[in-house]
Amino acid sequence: MSFDFATLSALLVFVVILVFLVMEIRSTRREVKEQLRQVSQHNALFQRNQQAWELCQAIHEQYPDVCPGLDYTMWVDEQGAHLDQWLADSPRPKLDRMVEKK
């Protein structure tokens, strides 16, 4: 069974596209897995710490579309809950004003 040049070229292009798609799917899968891990860590943090929950609620009142673990990260120490990173496109909230409102 012999193939002409056009058939081999088409087969090669198909294989290259297939490899690219598989690599892209694996990369996306890793990103989604990391995002789920971050969200679940923040969910566990909210269940353990009331101050973290209150801070999350205050942020949610100001920015209802942001998601903890994806759009911002938090950490807790003996002084309370703190906003670590703000990754959302909206401006970083002023936490002093948020705490004073409550």
PDB file of N, CA and C in Angstrom:
ATOM      1  N   MET A   1       0.844  -1.161   0.000  1.00  0.00           N
ATOM      2  CA  MET A   1       0.000   0.000   0.000  1.00  0.00           C
ATOM      3  C   MET A   1       0.896   1.233   0.000  1.00  0.00           C
ATOM      4  N   SER A   2       0.766   2.057  -1.006  1.00  0.00           N
ATOM      5  CA  SER A   2       1.598   3.254  -1.109  1.00  0.00           C
ATOM      6  C   SER A   2       0.708   4.494  -1.100  1.00  0.00           C
ATOM      7  N   PHE A   3       1.255   5.556  -0.552  1.00  0.00           N
ATOM      8  CA  PHE A   3       0.535   6.824  -0.475  1.00  0.00           C
ATOM      9  C   PHE A   3       1.271   7.853  -1.309  1.00  0.00           C
ATOM     10  N   ASP A   4       0.529   8.763  -1.887  1.00  0.00           N
ATOM     11  CA  ASP A   4       1.178   9.848  -2.615  1.00  0.00           C
ATOM     12  C   ASP A   4       1.554  10.960  -1.637  1.00  0.00           C
ATOM     13  N   PHE A   5       2.257  11.955  -2.121  1.00  0.00           N
ATOM     14  CA  PHE A   5       2.774  13.038  -1.280  1.00  0.00           C
ATOM     15  C   PHE A   5       1.639  13.819  -0.610  1.00  0.00           C
ATOM     16  N   ALA A   6       0.565  14.087  -1.316  1.00  0.00           N
ATOM     17  CA  ALA A   6      -0.554  14.851  -0.758  1.00  0.00           C
ATOM     18  C   ALA A   6      -1.208  14.108   0.401  1.00  0.00           C
ATOM     19  N   THR A   7      -1.360  12.805   0.280  1.00  0.00           N
ATOM     20  CA  THR A   7      -1.964  12.014   1.350  1.00  0.00           C
ATOM     21  C   THR A   7      -1.072  12.003   2.581  1.00  0.00           C
ATOM     22  N   LEU A   8       0.230  11.828   2.370  1.00  0.00           N
ATOM     23  CA  LEU A   8       1.160  11.844   3.504  1.00  0.00           C
ATOM     24  C   LEU A   8       1.199  13.213   4.171  1.00  0.00           C
ATOM     25  N   SER A   9       1.154  14.271   3.380  1.00  0.00           N
ATOM     26  CA  SER A   9       1.143  15.628   3.935  1.00  0.00           C
ATOM     27  C   SER A   9      -0.118  15.865   4.762  1.00  0.00           C
ATOM     28  N   ALA A  10      -1.250  15.450   4.244  1.00  0.00           N
ATOM     29  CA  ALA A  10      -2.507  15.617   4.975  1.00  0.00           C
ATOM     30  C   ALA A  10      -2.498  14.812   6.265  1.00  0.00           C
ATOM     31  N   LEU A  11      -1.956  13.614   6.199  1.00  0.00           N
ATOM     32  CA  LEU A  11      -1.864  12.775   7.391  1.00  0.00           C
ATOM     33  C   LEU A  11      -0.944  13.406   8.433  1.00  0.00           C
ATOM     34  N   LEU A  12       0.168  13.955   7.990  1.00  0.00           N
ATOM     35  CA  LEU A  12       1.099  14.620   8.902  1.00  0.00           C
ATOM     36  C   LEU A  12       0.448  15.842   9.552  1.00  0.00           C
ATOM     37  N   VAL A  13      -0.252  16.642   8.766  1.00  0.00           N
ATOM     38  CA  VAL A  13      -0.945  17.815   9.311  1.00  0.00           C
ATOM     39  C   VAL A  13      -1.991  17.376  10.332  1.00  0.00           C
ATOM     40  N   PHE A  14      -2.726  16.328  10.034  1.00  0.00           N
ATOM     41  CA  PHE A  14      -3.727  15.811  10.962  1.00  0.00           C
ATOM     42  C   PHE A  14      -3.084  15.380  12.275  1.00  0.00           C
ATOM     43  N   VAL A  15      -1.961  14.681  12.204  1.00  0.00           N
ATOM     44  CA  VAL A  15      -1.279  14.210  13.416  1.00  0.00           C
ATOM     45  C   VAL A  15      -0.765  15.396  14.229  1.00  0.00           C
ATOM     46  N   VAL A  16      -0.206  16.406  13.564  1.00  0.00           N
ATOM     47  CA  VAL A  16       0.293  17.592  14.272  1.00  0.00           C
ATOM     48  C   VAL A  16      -0.856  18.309  14.970  1.00  0.00           C
ATOM     49  N   ILE A  17      -1.970  18.475  14.286  1.00  0.00           N
ATOM     50  CA  ILE A  17      -3.138  19.128  14.895  1.00  0.00           C
ATOM     51  C   ILE A  17      -3.656  18.308  16.069  1.00  0.00           C
ATOM     52  N   LEU A  18      -3.694  17.009  15.922  1.00  0.00           N
ATOM     53  CA  LEU A  18      -4.157  16.138  16.997  1.00  0.00           C
ATOM     54  C   LEU A  18      -3.254  16.244  18.226  1.00  0.00           C
ATOM     55  N   VAL A  19      -1.947  16.256  18.013  1.00  0.00           N
ATOM     56  CA  VAL A  19      -1.002  16.396  19.129  1.00  0.00           C
ATOM     57  C   VAL A  19      -1.192  17.748  19.808  1.00  0.00           C
ATOM     58  N   PHE A  20      -1.356  18.804  19.023  1.00  0.00           N
ATOM     59  CA  PHE A  20      -1.574  20.131  19.587  1.00  0.00           C
ATOM     60  C   PHE A  20      -2.848  20.162  20.435  1.00  0.00           C
ATOM     61  N   LEU A  21      -3.924  19.586  19.934  1.00  0.00           N
ATOM     62  CA  LEU A  21      -5.180  19.570  20.689  1.00  0.00           C
ATOM     63  C   LEU A  21      -5.051  18.790  21.997  1.00  0.00           C
ATOM     64  N   VAL A  22      -4.378  17.673  21.957  1.00  0.00           N
ATOM     65  CA  VAL A  22      -4.180  16.879  23.177  1.00  0.00           C
ATOM     66  C   VAL A  22      -3.372  17.674  24.194  1.00  0.00           C
ATOM     67  N   MET A  23      -2.318  18.349  23.748  1.00  0.00           N
ATOM     68  CA  MET A  23      -1.504  19.153  24.668  1.00  0.00           C
ATOM     69  C   MET A  23      -2.313  20.306  25.250  1.00  0.00           C
ATOM     70  N   GLU A  24      -3.137  20.944  24.430  1.00  0.00           N
ATOM     71  CA  GLU A  24      -3.962  22.054  24.901  1.00  0.00           C
ATOM     72  C   GLU A  24      -4.997  21.576  25.926  1.00  0.00           C
ATOM     73  N   ILE A  25      -5.596  20.444  25.685  1.00  0.00           N
ATOM     74  CA  ILE A  25      -6.577  19.889  26.626  1.00  0.00           C
ATOM     75  C   ILE A  25      -5.911  19.547  27.952  1.00  0.00           C
ATOM     76  N   ARG A  26      -4.726  18.967  27.907  1.00  0.00           N
ATOM     77  CA  ARG A  26      -4.014  18.635  29.145  1.00  0.00           C
ATOM     78  C   ARG A  26      -3.647  19.893  29.919  1.00  0.00           C
ATOM     79  N   SER A  27      -3.215  20.934  29.210  1.00  0.00           N
ATOM     80  CA  SER A  27      -2.867  22.191  29.863  1.00  0.00           C
ATOM     81  C   SER A  27      -4.094  22.818  30.522  1.00  0.00           C
ATOM     82  N   THR A  28      -5.200  22.835  29.814  1.00  0.00           N
ATOM     83  CA  THR A  28      -6.436  23.385  30.365  1.00  0.00           C
ATOM     84  C   THR A  28      -6.895  22.582  31.568  1.00  0.00           C
ATOM     85  N   ARG A  29      -6.748  21.285  31.486  1.00  0.00           N
ATOM     86  CA  ARG A  29      -7.137  20.414  32.602  1.00  0.00           C
ATOM     87  C   ARG A  29      -6.314  20.728  33.847  1.00  0.00           C
ATOM     88  N   ARG A  30      -5.014  20.950  33.672  1.00  0.00           N
ATOM     89  CA  ARG A  30      -4.158  21.307  34.815  1.00  0.00           C
ATOM     90  C   ARG A  30      -4.581  22.635  35.418  1.00  0.00           C
ATOM     91  N   GLU A  31      -4.889  23.625  34.560  1.00  0.00           N
ATOM     92  CA  GLU A  31      -5.315  24.931  35.054  1.00  0.00           C
ATOM     93  C   GLU A  31      -6.619  24.823  35.842  1.00  0.00           C
ATOM     94  N   VAL A  32      -7.567  24.082  35.325  1.00  0.00           N
ATOM     95  CA  VAL A  32      -8.855  23.915  36.009  1.00  0.00           C
ATOM     96  C   VAL A  32      -8.658  23.184  37.333  1.00  0.00           C
ATOM     97  N   LYS A  33      -7.799  22.184  37.338  1.00  0.00           N
ATOM     98  CA  LYS A  33      -7.526  21.444  38.573  1.00  0.00           C
ATOM     99  C   LYS A  33      -6.912  22.364  39.627  1.00  0.00           C
ATOM    100  N   GLU A  34      -5.994  23.235  39.219  1.00  0.00           N
ATOM    101  CA  GLU A  34      -5.382  24.182  40.151  1.00  0.00           C
ATOM    102  C   GLU A  34      -6.420  25.180  40.662  1.00  0.00           C
ATOM    103  N   GLN A  35      -7.288  25.667  39.791  1.00  0.00           N
ATOM    104  CA  GLN A  35      -8.325  26.597  40.214  1.00  0.00           C
ATOM    105  C   GLN A  35      -9.287  25.940  41.202  1.00  0.00           C
ATOM    106  N   LEU A  36      -9.672  24.716  40.955  1.00  0.00           N
ATOM    107  CA  LEU A  36     -10.546  23.997  41.891  1.00  0.00           C
ATOM    108  C   LEU A  36      -9.865  23.786  43.234  1.00  0.00           C
ATOM    109  N   ARG A  37      -8.569  23.513  43.215  1.00  0.00           N
ATOM    110  CA  ARG A  37      -7.823  23.346  44.456  1.00  0.00           C
ATOM    111  C   ARG A  37      -7.832  24.648  45.256  1.00  0.00           C
ATOM    112  N   GLN A  38      -7.602  25.782  44.579  1.00  0.00           N
ATOM    113  CA  GLN A  38      -7.595  27.070  45.265  1.00  0.00           C
ATOM    114  C   GLN A  38      -8.971  27.407  45.833  1.00  0.00           C
ATOM    115  N   VAL A  39     -10.009  27.157  45.070  1.00  0.00           N
ATOM    116  CA  VAL A  39     -11.366  27.435  45.549  1.00  0.00           C
ATOM    117  C   VAL A  39     -11.697  26.562  46.753  1.00  0.00           C
ATOM    118  N   SER A  40     -11.320  25.299  46.712  1.00  0.00           N
ATOM    119  CA  SER A  40     -11.622  24.409  47.838  1.00  0.00           C
ATOM    120  C   SER A  40     -10.819  24.794  49.078  1.00  0.00           C
ATOM    121  N   GLN A  41      -9.588  25.276  48.908  1.00  0.00           N
ATOM    122  CA  GLN A  41      -8.810  25.744  50.058  1.00  0.00           C
ATOM    123  C   GLN A  41      -9.483  26.946  50.703  1.00  0.00           C
ATOM    124  N   HIS A  42      -9.968  27.876  49.887  1.00  0.00           N
ATOM    125  CA  HIS A  42     -10.639  29.041  50.448  1.00  0.00           C
ATOM    126  C   HIS A  42     -11.971  28.651  51.088  1.00  0.00           C
ATOM    127  N   ASN A  43     -12.658  27.702  50.521  1.00  0.00           N
ATOM    128  CA  ASN A  43     -13.903  27.224  51.119  1.00  0.00           C
ATOM    129  C   ASN A  43     -13.632  26.632  52.500  1.00  0.00           C
ATOM    130  N   ALA A  44     -12.581  25.857  52.620  1.00  0.00           N
ATOM    131  CA  ALA A  44     -12.215  25.290  53.920  1.00  0.00           C
ATOM    132  C   ALA A  44     -11.822  26.398  54.894  1.00  0.00           C
ATOM    133  N   LEU A  45     -11.151  27.430  54.396  1.00  0.00           N
ATOM    134  CA  LEU A  45     -10.766  28.561  55.237  1.00  0.00           C
ATOM    135  C   LEU A  45     -12.000  29.264  55.784  1.00  0.00           C
ATOM    136  N   PHE A  46     -13.018  29.447  54.954  1.00  0.00           N
ATOM    137  CA  PHE A  46     -14.238  30.119  55.401  1.00  0.00           C
ATOM    138  C   PHE A  46     -14.977  29.295  56.442  1.00  0.00           C
ATOM    139  N   GLN A  47     -14.923  27.996  56.328  1.00  0.00           N
ATOM    140  CA  GLN A  47     -15.601  27.138  57.293  1.00  0.00           C
ATOM    141  C   GLN A  47     -14.898  27.154  58.646  1.00  0.00           C
ATOM    142  N   ARG A  48     -13.595  27.355  58.651  1.00  0.00           N
ATOM    143  CA  ARG A  48     -12.826  27.341  59.896  1.00  0.00           C
ATOM    144  C   ARG A  48     -12.746  28.703  60.576  1.00  0.00           C
ATOM    145  N   ASN A  49     -12.878  29.803  59.817  1.00  0.00           N
ATOM    146  CA  ASN A  49     -12.578  31.116  60.363  1.00  0.00           C
ATOM    147  C   ASN A  49     -13.716  32.095  60.062  1.00  0.00           C
ATOM    148  N   GLN A  50     -14.328  32.616  61.109  1.00  0.00           N
ATOM    149  CA  GLN A  50     -15.447  33.544  60.964  1.00  0.00           C
ATOM    150  C   GLN A  50     -15.001  34.870  60.347  1.00  0.00           C
ATOM    151  N   GLN A  51     -13.807  35.361  60.701  1.00  0.00           N
ATOM    152  CA  GLN A  51     -13.330  36.629  60.143  1.00  0.00           C
ATOM    153  C   GLN A  51     -13.111  36.519  58.637  1.00  0.00           C
ATOM    154  N   ALA A  52     -12.612  35.388  58.190  1.00  0.00           N
ATOM    155  CA  ALA A  52     -12.426  35.180  56.752  1.00  0.00           C
ATOM    156  C   ALA A  52     -13.779  35.182  56.046  1.00  0.00           C
ATOM    157  N   TRP A  53     -14.767  34.562  56.664  1.00  0.00           N
ATOM    158  CA  TRP A  53     -16.112  34.538  56.089  1.00  0.00           C
ATOM    159  C   TRP A  53     -16.690  35.950  56.001  1.00  0.00           C
ATOM    160  N   GLU A  54     -16.515  36.738  57.054  1.00  0.00           N
ATOM    161  CA  GLU A  54     -17.036  38.106  57.058  1.00  0.00           C
ATOM    162  C   GLU A  54     -16.337  38.967  56.011  1.00  0.00           C
ATOM    163  N   LEU A  55     -15.026  38.794  55.873  1.00  0.00           N
ATOM    164  CA  LEU A  55     -14.290  39.538  54.855  1.00  0.00           C
ATOM    165  C   LEU A  55     -14.766  39.149  53.455  1.00  0.00           C
ATOM    166  N   CYS A  56     -14.982  37.883  53.255  1.00  0.00           N
ATOM    167  CA  CYS A  56     -15.491  37.409  51.962  1.00  0.00           C
ATOM    168  C   CYS A  56     -16.867  38.002  51.678  1.00  0.00           C
ATOM    169  N   GLN A  57     -17.724  38.047  52.668  1.00  0.00           N
ATOM    170  CA  GLN A  57     -19.061  38.619  52.491  1.00  0.00           C
ATOM    171  C   GLN A  57     -18.983  40.111  52.180  1.00  0.00           C
ATOM    172  N   ALA A  58     -18.072  40.816  52.846  1.00  0.00           N
ATOM    173  CA  ALA A  58     -17.909  42.249  52.585  1.00  0.00           C
ATOM    174  C   ALA A  58     -17.421  42.492  51.157  1.00  0.00           C
ATOM    175  N   ILE A  59     -16.501  41.676  50.703  1.00  0.00           N
ATOM    176  CA  ILE A  59     -16.021  41.797  49.322  1.00  0.00           C
ATOM    177  C   ILE A  59     -17.145  41.456  48.356  1.00  0.00           C
ATOM    178  N   HIS A  60     -17.911  40.430  48.677  1.00  0.00           N
ATOM    179  CA  HIS A  60     -19.010  40.008  47.804  1.00  0.00           C
ATOM    180  C   HIS A  60     -20.088  41.089  47.687  1.00  0.00           C
ATOM    181  N   GLU A  61     -20.327  41.842  48.755  1.00  0.00           N
ATOM    182  CA  GLU A  61     -21.311  42.923  48.694  1.00  0.00           C
ATOM    183  C   GLU A  61     -20.865  44.010  47.725  1.00  0.00           C
ATOM    184  N   GLN A  62     -19.561  44.285  47.704  1.00  0.00           N
ATOM    185  CA  GLN A  62     -19.044  45.329  46.828  1.00  0.00           C
ATOM    186  C   GLN A  62     -18.835  44.816  45.399  1.00  0.00           C
ATOM    187  N   TYR A  63     -18.345  43.591  45.276  1.00  0.00           N
ATOM    188  CA  TYR A  63     -18.068  42.983  43.970  1.00  0.00           C
ATOM    189  C   TYR A  63     -18.720  41.596  43.915  1.00  0.00           C
ATOM    190  N   PRO A  64     -19.976  41.508  43.538  1.00  0.00           N
ATOM    191  CA  PRO A  64     -20.667  40.214  43.567  1.00  0.00           C
ATOM    192  C   PRO A  64     -20.162  39.204  42.536  1.00  0.00           C
ATOM    193  N   ASP A  65     -19.424  39.648  41.532  1.00  0.00           N
ATOM    194  CA  ASP A  65     -18.978  38.732  40.480  1.00  0.00           C
ATOM    195  C   ASP A  65     -17.618  38.099  40.740  1.00  0.00           C
ATOM    196  N   VAL A  66     -16.892  38.538  41.768  1.00  0.00           N
ATOM    197  CA  VAL A  66     -15.568  37.962  42.015  1.00  0.00           C
ATOM    198  C   VAL A  66     -15.696  36.677  42.827  1.00  0.00           C
ATOM    199  N   CYS A  67     -14.746  35.797  42.631  1.00  0.00           N
ATOM    200  CA  CYS A  67     -14.774  34.485  43.275  1.00  0.00           C
ATOM    201  C   CYS A  67     -13.530  34.308  44.144  1.00  0.00           C
ATOM    202  N   PRO A  68     -13.704  33.994  45.428  1.00  0.00           N
ATOM    203  CA  PRO A  68     -12.535  33.762  46.273  1.00  0.00           C
ATOM    204  C   PRO A  68     -11.750  32.550  45.793  1.00  0.00           C
ATOM    205  N   GLY A  69     -10.449  32.701  45.766  1.00  0.00           N
ATOM    206  CA  GLY A  69      -9.587  31.627  45.284  1.00  0.00           C
ATOM    207  C   GLY A  69      -9.229  31.789  43.820  1.00  0.00           C
ATOM    208  N   LEU A  70     -10.079  32.471  43.063  1.00  0.00           N
ATOM    209  CA  LEU A  70      -9.792  32.727  41.647  1.00  0.00           C
ATOM    210  C   LEU A  70      -9.469  34.192  41.407  1.00  0.00           C
ATOM    211  N   ASP A  71     -10.337  35.087  41.886  1.00  0.00           N
ATOM    212  CA  ASP A  71     -10.145  36.513  41.667  1.00  0.00           C
ATOM    213  C   ASP A  71      -9.388  37.192  42.807  1.00  0.00           C
ATOM    214  N   TYR A  72      -9.372  36.577  43.956  1.00  0.00           N
ATOM    215  CA  TYR A  72      -8.571  37.090  45.070  1.00  0.00           C
ATOM    216  C   TYR A  72      -8.233  35.947  46.016  1.00  0.00           C
ATOM    217  N   THR A  73      -7.156  36.143  46.759  1.00  0.00           N
ATOM    218  CA  THR A  73      -6.753  35.147  47.750  1.00  0.00           C
ATOM    219  C   THR A  73      -6.663  35.819  49.113  1.00  0.00           C
ATOM    220  N   MET A  74      -6.824  35.014  50.136  1.00  0.00           N
ATOM    221  CA  MET A  74      -6.804  35.508  51.512  1.00  0.00           C
ATOM    222  C   MET A  74      -5.881  34.640  52.343  1.00  0.00           C
ATOM    223  N   TRP A  75      -5.461  35.186  53.468  1.00  0.00           N
ATOM    224  CA  TRP A  75      -4.724  34.399  54.447  1.00  0.00           C
ATOM    225  C   TRP A  75      -5.149  34.862  55.834  1.00  0.00           C
ATOM    226  N   VAL A  76      -4.966  33.995  56.793  1.00  0.00           N
ATOM    227  CA  VAL A  76      -5.402  34.257  58.163  1.00  0.00           C
ATOM    228  C   VAL A  76      -4.217  34.072  59.093  1.00  0.00           C
ATOM    229  N   ASP A  77      -4.064  35.012  60.024  1.00  0.00           N
ATOM    230  CA  ASP A  77      -3.084  34.859  61.091  1.00  0.00           C
ATOM    231  C   ASP A  77      -3.777  35.195  62.409  1.00  0.00           C
ATOM    232  N   GLU A  78      -3.004  35.369  63.467  1.00  0.00           N
ATOM    233  CA  GLU A  78      -3.616  35.636  64.778  1.00  0.00           C
ATOM    234  C   GLU A  78      -4.318  36.993  64.831  1.00  0.00           C
ATOM    235  N   GLN A  79      -3.993  37.907  63.907  1.00  0.00           N
ATOM    236  CA  GLN A  79      -4.642  39.217  63.883  1.00  0.00           C
ATOM    237  C   GLN A  79      -5.939  39.219  63.076  1.00  0.00           C
ATOM    238  N   GLY A  80      -6.191  38.167  62.335  1.00  0.00           N
ATOM    239  CA  GLY A  80      -7.428  38.076  61.571  1.00  0.00           C
ATOM    240  C   GLY A  80      -7.195  37.712  60.121  1.00  0.00           C
ATOM    241  N   ALA A  81      -8.226  37.921  59.325  1.00  0.00           N
ATOM    242  CA  ALA A  81      -8.177  37.591  57.898  1.00  0.00           C
ATOM    243  C   ALA A  81      -7.660  38.792  57.115  1.00  0.00           C
ATOM    244  N   HIS A  82      -6.860  38.504  56.095  1.00  0.00           N
ATOM    245  CA  HIS A  82      -6.255  39.554  55.281  1.00  0.00           C
ATOM    246  C   HIS A  82      -6.407  39.207  53.806  1.00  0.00           C
ATOM    247  N   LEU A  83      -6.582  40.238  53.000  1.00  0.00           N
ATOM    248  CA  LEU A  83      -6.632  40.067  51.557  1.00  0.00           C
ATOM    249  C   LEU A  83      -5.196  39.988  51.053  1.00  0.00           C
ATOM    250  N   ASP A  84      -4.859  38.903  50.379  1.00  0.00           N
ATOM    251  CA  ASP A  84      -3.487  38.688  49.921  1.00  0.00           C
ATOM    252  C   ASP A  84      -3.291  39.225  48.507  1.00  0.00           C
ATOM    253  N   GLN A  85      -3.893  38.589  47.536  1.00  0.00           N
ATOM    254  CA  GLN A  85      -3.752  39.007  46.139  1.00  0.00           C
ATOM    255  C   GLN A  85      -5.112  39.393  45.590  1.00  0.00           C
ATOM    256  N   TRP A  86      -5.115  40.441  44.774  1.00  0.00           N
ATOM    257  CA  TRP A  86      -6.334  40.840  44.081  1.00  0.00           C
ATOM    258  C   TRP A  86      -6.074  40.656  42.597  1.00  0.00           C
ATOM    259  N   LEU A  87      -6.696  39.655  41.996  1.00  0.00           N
ATOM    260  CA  LEU A  87      -6.448  39.304  40.604  1.00  0.00           C
ATOM    261  C   LEU A  87      -7.569  39.745  39.672  1.00  0.00           C
ATOM    262  N   ALA A  88      -8.650  40.259  40.216  1.00  0.00           N
ATOM    263  CA  ALA A  88      -9.799  40.675  39.407  1.00  0.00           C
ATOM    264  C   ALA A  88      -9.473  41.968  38.663  1.00  0.00           C
ATOM    265  N   ASP A  89     -10.229  42.232  37.609  1.00  0.00           N
ATOM    266  CA  ASP A  89     -10.040  43.453  36.829  1.00  0.00           C
ATOM    267  C   ASP A  89     -10.554  44.685  37.557  1.00  0.00           C
ATOM    268  N   SER A  90     -11.501  44.521  38.440  1.00  0.00           N
ATOM    269  CA  SER A  90     -12.047  45.644  39.193  1.00  0.00           C
ATOM    270  C   SER A  90     -11.017  46.138  40.208  1.00  0.00           C
ATOM    271  N   PRO A  91     -11.159  47.395  40.670  1.00  0.00           N
ATOM    272  CA  PRO A  91     -10.184  47.931  41.627  1.00  0.00           C
ATOM    273  C   PRO A  91     -10.198  47.172  42.956  1.00  0.00           C
ATOM    274  N   ARG A  92      -9.042  47.109  43.578  1.00  0.00           N
ATOM    275  CA  ARG A  92      -8.915  46.421  44.868  1.00  0.00           C
ATOM    276  C   ARG A  92      -9.783  47.141  45.905  1.00  0.00           C
ATOM    277  N   PRO A  93     -10.572  46.410  46.671  1.00  0.00           N
ATOM    278  CA  PRO A  93     -11.461  47.059  47.645  1.00  0.00           C
ATOM    279  C   PRO A  93     -10.675  47.666  48.802  1.00  0.00           C
ATOM    280  N   LYS A  94     -11.243  48.724  49.349  1.00  0.00           N
ATOM    281  CA  LYS A  94     -10.682  49.360  50.544  1.00  0.00           C
ATOM    282  C   LYS A  94     -11.232  48.617  51.751  1.00  0.00           C
ATOM    283  N   LEU A  95     -10.402  47.817  52.368  1.00  0.00           N
ATOM    284  CA  LEU A  95     -10.884  46.930  53.431  1.00  0.00           C
ATOM    285  C   LEU A  95     -11.246  47.679  54.701  1.00  0.00           C
ATOM    286  N   ASP A  96     -10.584  48.802  54.989  1.00  0.00           N
ATOM    287  CA  ASP A  96     -10.920  49.557  56.195  1.00  0.00           C
ATOM    288  C   ASP A  96     -12.369  50.035  56.134  1.00  0.00           C
ATOM    289  N   ARG A  97     -12.779  50.519  54.992  1.00  0.00           N
ATOM    290  CA  ARG A  97     -14.162  50.978  54.836  1.00  0.00           C
ATOM    291  C   ARG A  97     -15.137  49.813  54.955  1.00  0.00           C
ATOM    292  N   MET A  98     -14.746  48.667  54.448  1.00  0.00           N
ATOM    293  CA  MET A  98     -15.631  47.506  54.497  1.00  0.00           C
ATOM    294  C   MET A  98     -15.844  47.041  55.926  1.00  0.00           C
ATOM    295  N   VAL A  99     -14.792  47.055  56.717  1.00  0.00           N
ATOM    296  CA  VAL A  99     -14.890  46.603  58.102  1.00  0.00           C
ATOM    297  C   VAL A  99     -15.693  47.603  58.923  1.00  0.00           C
ATOM    298  N   GLU A 100     -15.512  48.922  58.666  1.00  0.00           N
ATOM    299  CA  GLU A 100     -16.226  49.941  59.422  1.00  0.00           C
ATOM    300  C   GLU A 100     -17.728  49.888  59.164  1.00  0.00           C
ATOM    301  N   LYS A 101     -18.142  49.496  57.952  1.00  0.00           N
ATOM    302  CA  LYS A 101     -19.566  49.431  57.629  1.00  0.00           C
ATOM    303  C   LYS A 101     -20.294  48.425  58.502  1.00  0.00           C
ATOM    304  N   LYS A 102     -19.630  47.345  58.866  1.00  0.00           N
ATOM    305  CA  LYS A 102     -20.287  46.252  59.598  1.00  0.00           C
ATOM    306  C   LYS A 102     -20.449  46.550  61.027  1.00  0.00           C
TER     307      LYS A 102
END
